[in-house]
Amino acid sequence: MSQAAVINIFKDTILTIFYVAGPILIVGLVVGVLISMFEAVTSIREMTLTFVPKLIAVGIVFLITLPWILAKLINFTINIFQQIPKVLQ
């Protein structure tokens, strides 16, 4: 297996990780910042105020993006399995 093939597999792996985790992490970050701004304005310090909305938002985004995430992971897995014979040569 050539060095270029290993780099290509590594690049595909990193991009797949970003595609799969990115939307969920971005929504969690945005909701967290909005809640922090709300807490700063109202001076309310409640743990459930930060945890529950983030959990709900991340859960909704996960359910919405689940078919797309599964398609990305299936395509990545098929690509990796197709490259196995090249590695064994």
N, C-alpha and C. Protein backbone atom coordinates (compact mmCIF):
# COMPACT_ATOMS: atom_id res chain seq x y z
N MET A 1 0.85 -1.17 0.00
CA MET A 1 0.00 0.00 0.00
C MET A 1 0.89 1.23 0.00
N SER A 2 0.60 2.14 -0.88
CA SER A 2 1.43 3.32 -1.02
C SER A 2 1.12 4.36 0.05
N GLN A 3 2.03 5.28 0.18
CA GLN A 3 1.86 6.35 1.16
C GLN A 3 0.67 7.24 0.77
N ALA A 4 0.46 7.45 -0.52
CA ALA A 4 -0.66 8.28 -0.98
C ALA A 4 -1.99 7.63 -0.63
N ALA A 5 -2.07 6.31 -0.72
CA ALA A 5 -3.32 5.62 -0.38
C ALA A 5 -3.62 5.74 1.11
N VAL A 6 -2.59 5.63 1.95
CA VAL A 6 -2.79 5.78 3.39
C VAL A 6 -3.25 7.19 3.72
N ILE A 7 -2.64 8.18 3.10
CA ILE A 7 -3.04 9.57 3.33
C ILE A 7 -4.47 9.79 2.87
N ASN A 8 -4.85 9.20 1.75
CA ASN A 8 -6.22 9.34 1.24
C ASN A 8 -7.23 8.71 2.20
N ILE A 9 -6.90 7.54 2.75
CA ILE A 9 -7.80 6.89 3.72
C ILE A 9 -7.92 7.76 4.97
N PHE A 10 -6.79 8.28 5.43
CA PHE A 10 -6.81 9.15 6.62
C PHE A 10 -7.64 10.41 6.37
N LYS A 11 -7.48 10.99 5.19
CA LYS A 11 -8.25 12.19 4.84
C LYS A 11 -9.74 11.89 4.81
N ASP A 12 -10.12 10.77 4.20
CA ASP A 12 -11.53 10.39 4.15
C ASP A 12 -12.09 10.13 5.55
N THR A 13 -11.27 9.54 6.41
CA THR A 13 -11.71 9.27 7.78
C THR A 13 -11.96 10.56 8.54
N ILE A 14 -11.04 11.50 8.46
CA ILE A 14 -11.19 12.77 9.18
C ILE A 14 -12.39 13.55 8.64
N LEU A 15 -12.56 13.58 7.33
CA LEU A 15 -13.71 14.29 6.76
C LEU A 15 -15.03 13.65 7.17
N THR A 16 -15.07 12.33 7.20
CA THR A 16 -16.29 11.64 7.63
C THR A 16 -16.61 11.96 9.09
N ILE A 17 -15.59 12.00 9.93
CA ILE A 17 -15.80 12.36 11.33
C ILE A 17 -16.37 13.77 11.44
N PHE A 18 -15.81 14.71 10.67
CA PHE A 18 -16.31 16.08 10.71
C PHE A 18 -17.75 16.16 10.20
N TYR A 19 -18.05 15.44 9.13
CA TYR A 19 -19.40 15.47 8.58
C TYR A 19 -20.42 14.87 9.54
N VAL A 20 -20.05 13.80 10.22
CA VAL A 20 -20.98 13.12 11.11
C VAL A 20 -21.18 13.90 12.41
N ALA A 21 -20.09 14.35 13.01
CA ALA A 21 -20.19 15.01 14.32
C ALA A 21 -20.44 16.51 14.21
N GLY A 22 -20.11 17.11 13.08
CA GLY A 22 -20.19 18.56 12.93
C GLY A 22 -21.54 19.18 13.21
N PRO A 23 -22.60 18.74 12.55
CA PRO A 23 -23.90 19.38 12.78
C PRO A 23 -24.35 19.30 14.24
N ILE A 24 -24.11 18.16 14.88
CA ILE A 24 -24.54 17.99 16.26
C ILE A 24 -23.74 18.90 17.18
N LEU A 25 -22.43 18.96 16.98
CA LEU A 25 -21.59 19.81 17.82
C LEU A 25 -21.87 21.29 17.61
N ILE A 26 -22.13 21.67 16.37
CA ILE A 26 -22.41 23.09 16.09
C ILE A 26 -23.71 23.52 16.75
N VAL A 27 -24.74 22.68 16.68
CA VAL A 27 -26.01 23.02 17.33
C VAL A 27 -25.83 23.10 18.84
N GLY A 28 -25.08 22.17 19.42
CA GLY A 28 -24.82 22.22 20.86
C GLY A 28 -24.09 23.49 21.26
N LEU A 29 -23.13 23.90 20.43
CA LEU A 29 -22.38 25.13 20.70
C LEU A 29 -23.27 26.35 20.60
N VAL A 30 -24.06 26.45 19.55
CA VAL A 30 -24.94 27.61 19.36
C VAL A 30 -25.97 27.70 20.47
N VAL A 31 -26.60 26.59 20.82
CA VAL A 31 -27.59 26.60 21.89
C VAL A 31 -26.93 26.96 23.22
N GLY A 32 -25.73 26.46 23.46
CA GLY A 32 -25.02 26.79 24.69
C GLY A 32 -24.69 28.27 24.79
N VAL A 33 -24.26 28.87 23.68
CA VAL A 33 -23.96 30.31 23.68
C VAL A 33 -25.23 31.12 23.90
N LEU A 34 -26.30 30.75 23.23
CA LEU A 34 -27.57 31.48 23.41
C LEU A 34 -28.08 31.39 24.85
N ILE A 35 -27.97 30.21 25.45
CA ILE A 35 -28.40 30.06 26.83
C ILE A 35 -27.50 30.85 27.76
N SER A 36 -26.21 30.87 27.51
CA SER A 36 -25.30 31.66 28.34
C SER A 36 -25.61 33.14 28.25
N MET A 37 -25.94 33.61 27.05
CA MET A 37 -26.32 35.01 26.90
C MET A 37 -27.61 35.30 27.66
N PHE A 38 -28.58 34.39 27.59
CA PHE A 38 -29.83 34.55 28.33
C PHE A 38 -29.57 34.58 29.84
N GLU A 39 -28.70 33.69 30.31
CA GLU A 39 -28.36 33.67 31.73
C GLU A 39 -27.67 34.96 32.17
N ALA A 40 -26.80 35.49 31.32
CA ALA A 40 -26.10 36.72 31.67
C ALA A 40 -27.06 37.91 31.73
N VAL A 41 -28.03 37.93 30.84
CA VAL A 41 -28.99 39.04 30.81
C VAL A 41 -29.94 38.98 32.00
N THR A 42 -30.40 37.77 32.32
CA THR A 42 -31.42 37.65 33.37
C THR A 42 -30.85 37.31 34.74
N SER A 43 -29.55 37.03 34.83
CA SER A 43 -28.89 36.64 36.09
C SER A 43 -29.50 35.38 36.71
N ILE A 44 -30.03 34.51 35.88
CA ILE A 44 -30.56 33.23 36.35
C ILE A 44 -29.45 32.19 36.22
N ARG A 45 -29.18 31.48 37.30
CA ARG A 45 -28.16 30.43 37.28
C ARG A 45 -28.80 29.10 37.68
N GLU A 46 -29.32 28.42 36.71
CA GLU A 46 -29.98 27.14 36.96
C GLU A 46 -29.34 26.09 36.06
N MET A 47 -28.92 24.96 36.64
CA MET A 47 -28.24 23.91 35.88
C MET A 47 -29.15 23.29 34.83
N THR A 48 -30.41 23.11 35.16
CA THR A 48 -31.31 22.49 34.19
C THR A 48 -31.57 23.42 33.01
N LEU A 49 -31.42 24.71 33.23
CA LEU A 49 -31.62 25.66 32.14
C LEU A 49 -30.56 25.50 31.06
N THR A 50 -29.37 25.08 31.44
CA THR A 50 -28.33 24.88 30.43
C THR A 50 -28.36 23.48 29.85
N PHE A 51 -28.72 22.48 30.65
CA PHE A 51 -28.62 21.10 30.20
C PHE A 51 -29.79 20.66 29.34
N VAL A 52 -31.00 20.92 29.77
CA VAL A 52 -32.19 20.40 29.10
C VAL A 52 -32.35 20.97 27.69
N PRO A 53 -32.24 22.28 27.47
CA PRO A 53 -32.39 22.77 26.08
C PRO A 53 -31.31 22.23 25.14
N LYS A 54 -30.07 22.11 25.64
CA LYS A 54 -29.01 21.54 24.80
C LYS A 54 -29.31 20.09 24.46
N LEU A 55 -29.77 19.34 25.43
CA LEU A 55 -30.10 17.94 25.20
C LEU A 55 -31.23 17.80 24.19
N ILE A 56 -32.24 18.62 24.31
CA ILE A 56 -33.37 18.58 23.37
C ILE A 56 -32.92 18.99 21.97
N ALA A 57 -32.14 20.08 21.87
CA ALA A 57 -31.69 20.56 20.55
C ALA A 57 -30.79 19.53 19.87
N VAL A 58 -29.86 18.96 20.62
CA VAL A 58 -28.97 17.96 20.03
C VAL A 58 -29.75 16.71 19.63
N GLY A 59 -30.71 16.31 20.43
CA GLY A 59 -31.54 15.15 20.09
C GLY A 59 -32.35 15.38 18.82
N ILE A 60 -32.93 16.57 18.69
CA ILE A 60 -33.71 16.89 17.48
C ILE A 60 -32.82 16.90 16.24
N VAL A 61 -31.65 17.53 16.35
CA VAL A 61 -30.73 17.58 15.21
C VAL A 61 -30.25 16.18 14.86
N PHE A 62 -30.00 15.36 15.88
CA PHE A 62 -29.58 13.98 15.62
C PHE A 62 -30.66 13.21 14.86
N LEU A 63 -31.90 13.36 15.28
CA LEU A 63 -32.98 12.65 14.59
C LEU A 63 -33.19 13.16 13.17
N ILE A 64 -33.03 14.47 12.97
CA ILE A 64 -33.21 15.04 11.63
C ILE A 64 -32.09 14.61 10.70
N THR A 65 -30.86 14.59 11.21
CA THR A 65 -29.71 14.28 10.35
C THR A 65 -29.35 12.80 10.34
N LEU A 66 -30.07 11.96 11.08
CA LEU A 66 -29.73 10.55 11.15
C LEU A 66 -29.68 9.85 9.79
N PRO A 67 -30.64 10.04 8.89
CA PRO A 67 -30.52 9.37 7.58
C PRO A 67 -29.27 9.82 6.81
N TRP A 68 -28.96 11.09 6.88
CA TRP A 68 -27.77 11.61 6.18
C TRP A 68 -26.49 11.06 6.82
N ILE A 69 -26.46 11.01 8.16
CA ILE A 69 -25.29 10.47 8.87
C ILE A 69 -25.10 9.00 8.51
N LEU A 70 -26.18 8.24 8.51
CA LEU A 70 -26.07 6.83 8.16
C LEU A 70 -25.59 6.63 6.72
N ALA A 71 -26.06 7.47 5.81
CA ALA A 71 -25.61 7.37 4.41
C ALA A 71 -24.11 7.65 4.32
N LYS A 72 -23.65 8.69 5.04
CA LYS A 72 -22.21 9.00 5.04
C LYS A 72 -21.40 7.84 5.59
N LEU A 73 -21.86 7.25 6.70
CA LEU A 73 -21.12 6.15 7.32
C LEU A 73 -21.15 4.89 6.45
N ILE A 74 -22.26 4.64 5.80
CA ILE A 74 -22.34 3.47 4.91
C ILE A 74 -21.41 3.65 3.72
N ASN A 75 -21.41 4.84 3.12
CA ASN A 75 -20.51 5.09 1.99
C ASN A 75 -19.05 4.97 2.41
N PHE A 76 -18.72 5.47 3.59
CA PHE A 76 -17.35 5.38 4.08
C PHE A 76 -16.96 3.92 4.30
N THR A 77 -17.86 3.13 4.91
CA THR A 77 -17.57 1.73 5.17
C THR A 77 -17.41 0.95 3.87
N ILE A 78 -18.27 1.20 2.90
CA ILE A 78 -18.14 0.53 1.60
C ILE A 78 -16.81 0.89 0.95
N ASN A 79 -16.43 2.15 1.03
CA ASN A 79 -15.16 2.59 0.46
C ASN A 79 -13.98 1.89 1.14
N ILE A 80 -14.01 1.77 2.44
CA ILE A 80 -12.93 1.10 3.17
C ILE A 80 -12.87 -0.39 2.80
N PHE A 81 -14.03 -1.04 2.73
CA PHE A 81 -14.04 -2.46 2.37
C PHE A 81 -13.57 -2.68 0.94
N GLN A 82 -13.83 -1.74 0.05
CA GLN A 82 -13.35 -1.87 -1.33
C GLN A 82 -11.84 -1.70 -1.42
N GLN A 83 -11.25 -1.05 -0.45
CA GLN A 83 -9.80 -0.84 -0.47
C GLN A 83 -9.02 -1.96 0.21
N ILE A 84 -9.70 -2.90 0.87
CA ILE A 84 -9.01 -4.00 1.54
C ILE A 84 -8.21 -4.86 0.56
N PRO A 85 -8.75 -5.24 -0.60
CA PRO A 85 -7.93 -6.04 -1.53
C PRO A 85 -6.67 -5.30 -1.98
N LYS A 86 -6.72 -4.00 -2.07
CA LYS A 86 -5.53 -3.23 -2.47
C LYS A 86 -4.46 -3.30 -1.39
N VAL A 87 -4.88 -3.38 -0.15
CA VAL A 87 -3.92 -3.44 0.96
C VAL A 87 -3.23 -4.81 0.99
N LEU A 88 -3.97 -5.85 0.66
CA LEU A 88 -3.43 -7.21 0.75
C LEU A 88 -2.51 -7.56 -0.41
N GLN A 89 -2.42 -6.74 -1.40
CA GLN A 89 -1.56 -7.05 -2.55
C GLN A 89 -0.12 -6.81 -2.25
